[in-house]
N, C-alpha and C. Protein backbone atom coordinates (compact mmCIF):
# COMPACT_ATOMS: atom_id res chain seq x y z
N MET A 1 13.10 12.75 8.12
CA MET A 1 12.58 11.52 7.60
C MET A 1 13.46 11.10 6.42
N SER A 2 13.81 9.83 6.34
CA SER A 2 14.60 9.35 5.22
C SER A 2 14.18 7.93 4.87
N ALA A 3 14.53 7.53 3.67
CA ALA A 3 14.21 6.19 3.20
C ALA A 3 15.30 5.71 2.27
N LEU A 4 15.52 4.43 2.28
CA LEU A 4 16.47 3.81 1.37
C LEU A 4 15.70 2.84 0.49
N ALA A 5 15.88 2.95 -0.82
CA ALA A 5 15.14 2.09 -1.76
C ALA A 5 15.92 0.81 -2.01
N PRO A 6 15.32 -0.27 -2.39
CA PRO A 6 13.87 -0.50 -2.33
C PRO A 6 13.46 -1.04 -0.96
N ARG A 7 12.21 -0.90 -0.62
CA ARG A 7 11.65 -1.41 0.62
C ARG A 7 10.51 -2.35 0.26
N PHE A 8 10.38 -3.44 1.02
CA PHE A 8 9.38 -4.45 0.72
C PHE A 8 8.92 -5.10 2.02
N VAL A 9 7.61 -5.36 2.12
CA VAL A 9 7.08 -6.09 3.27
C VAL A 9 5.95 -7.00 2.79
N ARG A 10 5.86 -8.16 3.39
CA ARG A 10 4.76 -9.09 3.10
C ARG A 10 4.07 -9.37 4.43
N LEU A 11 2.74 -9.22 4.43
CA LEU A 11 1.96 -9.37 5.66
C LEU A 11 0.91 -10.46 5.48
N ALA A 12 0.69 -11.25 6.52
CA ALA A 12 -0.41 -12.21 6.55
C ALA A 12 -1.55 -11.56 7.33
N LEU A 13 -2.71 -11.45 6.70
CA LEU A 13 -3.86 -10.82 7.35
C LEU A 13 -4.72 -11.86 8.06
N PRO A 14 -5.51 -11.42 9.04
CA PRO A 14 -6.35 -12.37 9.80
C PRO A 14 -7.33 -13.17 8.94
N ASP A 15 -7.72 -12.63 7.78
CA ASP A 15 -8.68 -13.35 6.92
C ASP A 15 -8.00 -14.43 6.08
N GLY A 16 -6.69 -14.62 6.25
CA GLY A 16 -5.96 -15.64 5.51
C GLY A 16 -5.30 -15.13 4.24
N SER A 17 -5.59 -13.90 3.84
CA SER A 17 -4.96 -13.34 2.64
C SER A 17 -3.58 -12.80 3.00
N GLN A 18 -2.80 -12.55 1.97
CA GLN A 18 -1.48 -11.96 2.14
C GLN A 18 -1.39 -10.68 1.34
N VAL A 19 -0.68 -9.70 1.91
CA VAL A 19 -0.47 -8.42 1.24
C VAL A 19 1.02 -8.19 1.10
N SER A 20 1.45 -7.87 -0.11
CA SER A 20 2.84 -7.50 -0.38
C SER A 20 2.87 -6.03 -0.74
N VAL A 21 3.77 -5.28 -0.10
CA VAL A 21 3.89 -3.85 -0.35
C VAL A 21 5.34 -3.54 -0.67
N ALA A 22 5.57 -2.89 -1.81
CA ALA A 22 6.90 -2.44 -2.20
C ALA A 22 6.89 -0.93 -2.31
N ILE A 23 7.89 -0.29 -1.75
CA ILE A 23 8.03 1.16 -1.83
C ILE A 23 9.35 1.44 -2.53
N ASP A 24 9.27 2.11 -3.68
CA ASP A 24 10.46 2.39 -4.48
C ASP A 24 10.65 3.90 -4.61
N ARG A 25 11.87 4.32 -4.45
CA ARG A 25 12.22 5.73 -4.57
C ARG A 25 12.10 6.18 -6.03
N GLN A 26 11.50 7.34 -6.21
CA GLN A 26 11.34 7.94 -7.54
C GLN A 26 11.95 9.34 -7.49
N GLY A 27 13.26 9.43 -7.58
CA GLY A 27 13.92 10.72 -7.46
C GLY A 27 14.18 11.06 -6.00
N ASN A 28 14.37 12.34 -5.74
CA ASN A 28 14.72 12.78 -4.39
C ASN A 28 13.54 13.03 -3.47
N VAL A 29 12.35 13.26 -4.04
CA VAL A 29 11.23 13.66 -3.18
C VAL A 29 9.97 12.81 -3.38
N ARG A 30 10.01 11.81 -4.22
CA ARG A 30 8.81 11.02 -4.50
C ARG A 30 9.12 9.53 -4.35
N SER A 31 8.07 8.77 -4.09
CA SER A 31 8.17 7.32 -4.03
C SER A 31 6.94 6.73 -4.70
N SER A 32 7.06 5.49 -5.15
CA SER A 32 5.89 4.78 -5.66
C SER A 32 5.61 3.61 -4.72
N VAL A 33 4.34 3.30 -4.55
CA VAL A 33 3.92 2.20 -3.70
C VAL A 33 3.20 1.19 -4.58
N THR A 34 3.64 -0.06 -4.52
CA THR A 34 2.99 -1.15 -5.24
C THR A 34 2.44 -2.11 -4.21
N LEU A 35 1.16 -2.42 -4.31
CA LEU A 35 0.49 -3.27 -3.34
C LEU A 35 -0.18 -4.43 -4.08
N GLU A 36 -0.03 -5.65 -3.55
CA GLU A 36 -0.69 -6.82 -4.12
C GLU A 36 -1.27 -7.64 -2.98
N GLN A 37 -2.56 -7.95 -3.08
CA GLN A 37 -3.20 -8.79 -2.09
C GLN A 37 -3.59 -10.09 -2.76
N SER A 38 -3.23 -11.21 -2.15
CA SER A 38 -3.55 -12.52 -2.72
C SER A 38 -4.27 -13.36 -1.68
N GLY A 39 -4.96 -14.39 -2.15
CA GLY A 39 -5.66 -15.29 -1.25
C GLY A 39 -6.88 -14.69 -0.59
N LEU A 40 -7.56 -13.77 -1.31
CA LEU A 40 -8.77 -13.16 -0.75
C LEU A 40 -9.82 -14.24 -0.47
N PRO A 41 -10.52 -14.16 0.65
CA PRO A 41 -11.62 -15.09 0.90
C PRO A 41 -12.72 -14.88 -0.15
N ALA A 42 -13.45 -15.92 -0.46
CA ALA A 42 -14.52 -15.83 -1.47
C ALA A 42 -15.58 -14.80 -1.07
N SER A 43 -15.70 -14.52 0.22
CA SER A 43 -16.72 -13.58 0.69
C SER A 43 -16.35 -12.12 0.44
N VAL A 44 -15.11 -11.87 0.00
CA VAL A 44 -14.66 -10.50 -0.26
C VAL A 44 -14.42 -10.32 -1.75
N PRO A 45 -15.31 -9.60 -2.45
CA PRO A 45 -15.11 -9.38 -3.88
C PRO A 45 -13.81 -8.59 -4.14
N ALA A 46 -13.09 -8.97 -5.18
CA ALA A 46 -11.82 -8.31 -5.51
C ALA A 46 -12.02 -6.81 -5.73
N ASP A 47 -13.12 -6.42 -6.37
CA ASP A 47 -13.36 -4.99 -6.62
C ASP A 47 -13.52 -4.22 -5.31
N LEU A 48 -14.16 -4.83 -4.32
CA LEU A 48 -14.32 -4.18 -3.02
C LEU A 48 -12.96 -4.02 -2.34
N ALA A 49 -12.14 -5.06 -2.36
CA ALA A 49 -10.80 -4.98 -1.77
C ALA A 49 -9.98 -3.91 -2.48
N ARG A 50 -10.06 -3.85 -3.80
CA ARG A 50 -9.32 -2.85 -4.58
C ARG A 50 -9.74 -1.44 -4.19
N MET A 51 -11.04 -1.21 -4.07
CA MET A 51 -11.53 0.12 -3.70
C MET A 51 -11.09 0.50 -2.28
N ARG A 52 -11.07 -0.46 -1.38
CA ARG A 52 -10.62 -0.17 -0.01
C ARG A 52 -9.14 0.22 0.00
N TRP A 53 -8.32 -0.50 -0.78
CA TRP A 53 -6.90 -0.15 -0.84
C TRP A 53 -6.68 1.21 -1.49
N ILE A 54 -7.44 1.50 -2.54
CA ILE A 54 -7.32 2.80 -3.20
C ILE A 54 -7.65 3.91 -2.20
N GLY A 55 -8.71 3.71 -1.41
CA GLY A 55 -9.08 4.70 -0.40
C GLY A 55 -8.02 4.85 0.68
N ALA A 56 -7.47 3.73 1.13
CA ALA A 56 -6.45 3.78 2.17
C ALA A 56 -5.17 4.46 1.67
N LEU A 57 -4.77 4.16 0.45
CA LEU A 57 -3.56 4.79 -0.10
C LEU A 57 -3.79 6.27 -0.38
N ALA A 58 -5.00 6.64 -0.81
CA ALA A 58 -5.32 8.06 -1.03
C ALA A 58 -5.26 8.82 0.30
N ALA A 59 -5.78 8.21 1.37
CA ALA A 59 -5.74 8.85 2.69
C ALA A 59 -4.29 8.99 3.16
N LEU A 60 -3.47 7.99 2.90
CA LEU A 60 -2.05 8.07 3.26
C LEU A 60 -1.37 9.21 2.49
N ALA A 61 -1.62 9.29 1.20
CA ALA A 61 -1.03 10.36 0.38
C ALA A 61 -1.47 11.73 0.89
N GLU A 62 -2.74 11.86 1.24
CA GLU A 62 -3.25 13.14 1.75
C GLU A 62 -2.55 13.51 3.06
N GLN A 63 -2.38 12.54 3.94
CA GLN A 63 -1.73 12.78 5.22
C GLN A 63 -0.28 13.19 5.00
N LEU A 64 0.43 12.50 4.13
CA LEU A 64 1.82 12.82 3.87
C LEU A 64 1.96 14.19 3.21
N ASP A 65 1.06 14.51 2.28
CA ASP A 65 1.10 15.83 1.63
C ASP A 65 0.87 16.94 2.67
N ALA A 66 -0.04 16.71 3.60
CA ALA A 66 -0.34 17.72 4.63
C ALA A 66 0.88 17.96 5.53
N GLU A 67 1.64 16.90 5.80
CA GLU A 67 2.81 17.04 6.66
C GLU A 67 3.93 17.84 5.98
N TRP A 68 3.96 17.85 4.65
CA TRP A 68 5.02 18.55 3.93
C TRP A 68 4.66 20.00 3.62
N ASP A 69 3.40 20.36 3.82
CA ASP A 69 2.98 21.77 3.56
C ASP A 69 3.38 22.69 4.66
């Protein structure tokens, strides 16, 4: 597995919001992920969206950590 920094993607979601994700290399074995969601529908509270992303990124980190063990 390899990566070249920086990496960036912008996605349009079905609810009309947009998500920007940047992955930046932090040394030889670590990366940082920056995520920004804009244009949330009024029916989705920002705190709920934030908690969902935190959970999704935590699950991703757990999966990646398990693969390296």
